[in-house]
Amino acid sequence: MLSRQGPKGATGDVNGDGLQDVYIGGAREQAGQLYLQTINGFIKKETPDFKTYSFDDVTAAFFFDCDNDGDDTVAESLEAILLHT
């Protein structure tokens, strides 16, 4: 059956290098994945919080600069739980 709830994805500049990074939300019991863009392609960034909170589908994902430090933070919704890196 095709899911209409998740996982969701988003793009933003997580590390402030001017390149768009990619977040792909996880499904039930599967951690989300964050990929940092480099001039040579993408590299996966290990983020322990994504595994810790992988008990449900990611139903929303977006990037924003929540701490006003010039780089984006990924936020995801797991039925109203907000995570950030």
N, C-alpha and C. Protein backbone atom coordinates (compact mmCIF):
# COMPACT_ATOMS: atom_id res chain seq x y z
N MET A 1 0.83 -1.18 0.00
CA MET A 1 0.00 0.00 0.00
C MET A 1 0.88 1.24 0.00
N LEU A 2 0.54 2.21 -0.79
CA LEU A 2 1.27 3.46 -0.89
C LEU A 2 0.94 4.37 0.28
N SER A 3 1.97 4.85 1.00
CA SER A 3 1.76 5.76 2.12
C SER A 3 1.60 7.18 1.61
N ARG A 4 0.65 7.89 2.14
CA ARG A 4 0.46 9.30 1.79
C ARG A 4 0.93 10.21 2.92
N GLN A 5 1.45 9.62 3.99
CA GLN A 5 1.88 10.42 5.13
C GLN A 5 3.37 10.63 5.19
N GLY A 6 4.15 9.70 4.74
CA GLY A 6 5.58 9.87 4.89
C GLY A 6 6.32 8.77 4.19
N PRO A 7 7.59 8.77 4.18
CA PRO A 7 8.41 9.80 4.79
C PRO A 7 8.48 11.06 3.94
N LYS A 8 8.81 12.13 4.56
CA LYS A 8 8.94 13.43 3.89
C LYS A 8 10.41 13.78 3.76
N GLY A 9 10.71 14.74 2.92
CA GLY A 9 12.08 15.20 2.71
C GLY A 9 12.14 16.71 2.68
N ALA A 10 13.35 17.24 2.81
CA ALA A 10 13.55 18.69 2.78
C ALA A 10 14.99 18.99 2.38
N THR A 11 15.22 20.20 1.89
CA THR A 11 16.57 20.65 1.58
C THR A 11 16.85 21.96 2.30
N GLY A 12 18.11 22.18 2.64
CA GLY A 12 18.55 23.40 3.31
C GLY A 12 20.05 23.33 3.52
N ASP A 13 20.63 24.43 3.94
CA ASP A 13 22.08 24.51 4.16
C ASP A 13 22.38 24.32 5.64
N VAL A 14 22.61 23.09 6.07
CA VAL A 14 22.80 22.76 7.48
C VAL A 14 24.11 23.29 8.04
N ASN A 15 25.19 23.24 7.26
CA ASN A 15 26.50 23.60 7.79
C ASN A 15 27.01 24.97 7.33
N GLY A 16 26.17 25.76 6.68
CA GLY A 16 26.54 27.13 6.32
C GLY A 16 27.58 27.26 5.23
N ASP A 17 27.74 26.22 4.38
CA ASP A 17 28.75 26.29 3.32
C ASP A 17 28.20 26.79 1.99
N GLY A 18 26.92 27.16 1.96
CA GLY A 18 26.31 27.67 0.74
C GLY A 18 25.75 26.59 -0.18
N LEU A 19 25.89 25.32 0.20
CA LEU A 19 25.39 24.21 -0.61
C LEU A 19 24.13 23.63 0.03
N GLN A 20 23.20 23.17 -0.79
CA GLN A 20 21.95 22.61 -0.29
C GLN A 20 22.17 21.16 0.17
N ASP A 21 21.84 20.90 1.42
CA ASP A 21 21.92 19.57 2.00
C ASP A 21 20.52 18.94 1.92
N VAL A 22 20.45 17.63 2.06
CA VAL A 22 19.19 16.91 1.88
C VAL A 22 18.87 16.07 3.11
N TYR A 23 17.65 16.19 3.58
CA TYR A 23 17.15 15.33 4.66
C TYR A 23 16.02 14.47 4.10
N ILE A 24 16.08 13.18 4.36
CA ILE A 24 15.02 12.25 3.98
C ILE A 24 14.50 11.62 5.26
N GLY A 25 13.25 11.88 5.58
CA GLY A 25 12.67 11.37 6.80
C GLY A 25 12.50 9.87 6.77
N GLY A 26 12.50 9.28 7.93
CA GLY A 26 12.36 7.83 8.04
C GLY A 26 10.91 7.40 8.16
N ALA A 27 10.70 6.13 7.97
CA ALA A 27 9.40 5.51 8.19
C ALA A 27 9.43 4.82 9.55
N ARG A 28 8.37 4.17 9.90
CA ARG A 28 8.30 3.48 11.20
C ARG A 28 9.51 2.58 11.38
N GLU A 29 10.20 2.74 12.52
CA GLU A 29 11.38 1.95 12.88
C GLU A 29 12.58 2.15 11.96
N GLN A 30 12.57 3.21 11.14
CA GLN A 30 13.69 3.53 10.25
C GLN A 30 14.10 4.97 10.50
N ALA A 31 15.37 5.18 10.76
CA ALA A 31 15.88 6.53 11.05
C ALA A 31 15.91 7.38 9.78
N GLY A 32 15.70 8.68 9.96
CA GLY A 32 15.87 9.62 8.86
C GLY A 32 17.35 9.71 8.48
N GLN A 33 17.62 10.25 7.31
CA GLN A 33 18.99 10.35 6.80
C GLN A 33 19.28 11.80 6.41
N LEU A 34 20.45 12.28 6.79
CA LEU A 34 20.90 13.62 6.42
C LEU A 34 22.13 13.49 5.55
N TYR A 35 22.09 14.10 4.37
CA TYR A 35 23.20 14.07 3.43
C TYR A 35 23.71 15.49 3.22
N LEU A 36 25.00 15.70 3.49
CA LEU A 36 25.63 17.00 3.29
C LEU A 36 26.23 17.05 1.89
N GLN A 37 25.93 18.12 1.18
CA GLN A 37 26.48 18.28 -0.17
C GLN A 37 27.90 18.82 -0.09
N THR A 38 28.78 18.26 -0.91
CA THR A 38 30.14 18.75 -1.06
C THR A 38 30.36 19.03 -2.55
N ILE A 39 31.50 19.56 -2.91
CA ILE A 39 31.77 19.80 -4.33
C ILE A 39 31.89 18.50 -5.11
N ASN A 40 32.09 17.37 -4.39
CA ASN A 40 32.22 16.06 -5.03
C ASN A 40 30.96 15.20 -4.93
N GLY A 41 29.88 15.73 -4.37
CA GLY A 41 28.64 14.95 -4.21
C GLY A 41 28.14 15.05 -2.78
N PHE A 42 27.42 14.04 -2.36
CA PHE A 42 26.82 14.04 -1.02
C PHE A 42 27.50 13.01 -0.12
N ILE A 43 27.60 13.36 1.18
CA ILE A 43 28.08 12.42 2.18
C ILE A 43 27.03 12.32 3.29
N LYS A 44 26.84 11.12 3.80
CA LYS A 44 25.86 10.91 4.85
C LYS A 44 26.43 11.37 6.19
N LYS A 45 25.63 12.14 6.93
CA LYS A 45 26.02 12.59 8.27
C LYS A 45 25.28 11.72 9.28
N GLU A 46 26.04 11.04 10.13
CA GLU A 46 25.43 10.23 11.18
C GLU A 46 24.86 11.15 12.25
N THR A 47 23.57 10.98 12.55
CA THR A 47 22.89 11.81 13.53
C THR A 47 22.14 10.91 14.50
N PRO A 48 22.71 10.68 15.69
CA PRO A 48 22.11 9.74 16.65
C PRO A 48 20.64 10.04 16.99
N ASP A 49 20.25 11.31 17.06
CA ASP A 49 18.86 11.63 17.40
C ASP A 49 17.87 11.05 16.40
N PHE A 50 18.26 10.95 15.14
CA PHE A 50 17.34 10.39 14.14
C PHE A 50 17.02 8.93 14.46
N LYS A 51 18.01 8.18 14.92
CA LYS A 51 17.77 6.79 15.28
C LYS A 51 16.97 6.69 16.58
N THR A 52 17.28 7.54 17.53
CA THR A 52 16.58 7.53 18.82
C THR A 52 15.08 7.73 18.64
N TYR A 53 14.70 8.63 17.72
CA TYR A 53 13.29 8.97 17.54
C TYR A 53 12.71 8.37 16.25
N SER A 54 13.09 7.14 15.92
CA SER A 54 12.64 6.51 14.69
C SER A 54 11.45 5.58 14.89
N PHE A 55 10.64 5.82 15.89
CA PHE A 55 9.54 4.92 16.20
C PHE A 55 8.29 5.17 15.36
N ASP A 56 8.25 6.23 14.58
CA ASP A 56 7.06 6.53 13.78
C ASP A 56 7.45 7.22 12.49
N ASP A 57 6.52 7.31 11.55
CA ASP A 57 6.78 7.98 10.27
C ASP A 57 7.04 9.47 10.48
N VAL A 58 7.95 10.01 9.67
CA VAL A 58 8.13 11.46 9.62
C VAL A 58 7.02 12.01 8.74
N THR A 59 6.17 12.85 9.31
CA THR A 59 5.02 13.37 8.57
C THR A 59 5.23 14.78 8.06
N ALA A 60 6.30 15.43 8.48
CA ALA A 60 6.65 16.76 7.97
C ALA A 60 8.14 16.98 8.21
N ALA A 61 8.80 17.68 7.29
CA ALA A 61 10.23 18.00 7.43
C ALA A 61 10.49 19.35 6.79
N PHE A 62 11.33 20.14 7.43
CA PHE A 62 11.71 21.44 6.87
C PHE A 62 12.99 21.92 7.53
N PHE A 63 13.65 22.88 6.90
CA PHE A 63 14.85 23.51 7.43
C PHE A 63 14.55 24.96 7.76
N PHE A 64 15.13 25.47 8.84
CA PHE A 64 15.07 26.89 9.16
C PHE A 64 16.19 27.22 10.14
N ASP A 65 16.54 28.48 10.23
CA ASP A 65 17.62 28.92 11.12
C ASP A 65 17.02 29.28 12.48
N CYS A 66 16.79 28.27 13.32
CA CYS A 66 16.09 28.48 14.58
C CYS A 66 16.91 29.24 15.62
N ASP A 67 18.25 29.19 15.51
CA ASP A 67 19.08 29.86 16.51
C ASP A 67 19.81 31.08 15.94
N ASN A 68 19.43 31.48 14.72
CA ASN A 68 19.95 32.70 14.10
C ASN A 68 21.49 32.70 14.02
N ASP A 69 22.06 31.52 13.71
CA ASP A 69 23.52 31.43 13.61
C ASP A 69 24.02 31.37 12.17
N GLY A 70 23.11 31.53 11.21
CA GLY A 70 23.51 31.59 9.81
C GLY A 70 23.44 30.28 9.06
N ASP A 71 23.15 29.18 9.78
CA ASP A 71 22.95 27.92 9.06
C ASP A 71 21.59 27.35 9.45
N ASP A 72 21.08 26.47 8.60
CA ASP A 72 19.74 25.91 8.81
C ASP A 72 19.77 24.74 9.77
N THR A 73 18.64 24.53 10.41
CA THR A 73 18.42 23.40 11.29
C THR A 73 17.31 22.56 10.69
N VAL A 74 17.45 21.25 10.69
CA VAL A 74 16.39 20.40 10.17
C VAL A 74 15.40 20.14 11.30
N ALA A 75 14.13 20.25 10.97
CA ALA A 75 13.07 19.94 11.93
C ALA A 75 12.17 18.90 11.28
N GLU A 76 11.73 17.96 12.07
CA GLU A 76 10.82 16.95 11.55
C GLU A 76 9.70 16.75 12.54
N SER A 77 8.58 16.33 12.05
CA SER A 77 7.43 16.08 12.91
C SER A 77 7.16 14.59 12.97
N LEU A 78 7.13 14.07 14.16
CA LEU A 78 6.72 12.70 14.44
C LEU A 78 5.51 12.80 15.35
N GLU A 79 4.42 13.17 14.80
CA GLU A 79 3.22 13.41 15.60
C GLU A 79 3.52 14.40 16.72
N ALA A 80 4.01 15.58 16.34
CA ALA A 80 4.25 16.73 17.22
C ALA A 80 5.54 16.69 18.01
N ILE A 81 6.52 15.88 17.62
CA ILE A 81 7.84 15.90 18.25
C ILE A 81 8.79 16.65 17.32
N LEU A 82 9.52 17.63 17.83
CA LEU A 82 10.45 18.42 17.03
C LEU A 82 11.88 18.03 17.34
N LEU A 83 12.64 17.70 16.31
CA LEU A 83 14.05 17.34 16.46
C LEU A 83 14.90 18.36 15.72
N HIS A 84 16.13 18.54 16.16
CA HIS A 84 17.03 19.43 15.41
C HIS A 84 18.45 18.94 15.54
N THR A 85 19.29 19.41 14.54
CA THR A 85 20.71 19.08 14.57
C THR A 85 21.52 20.36 14.59
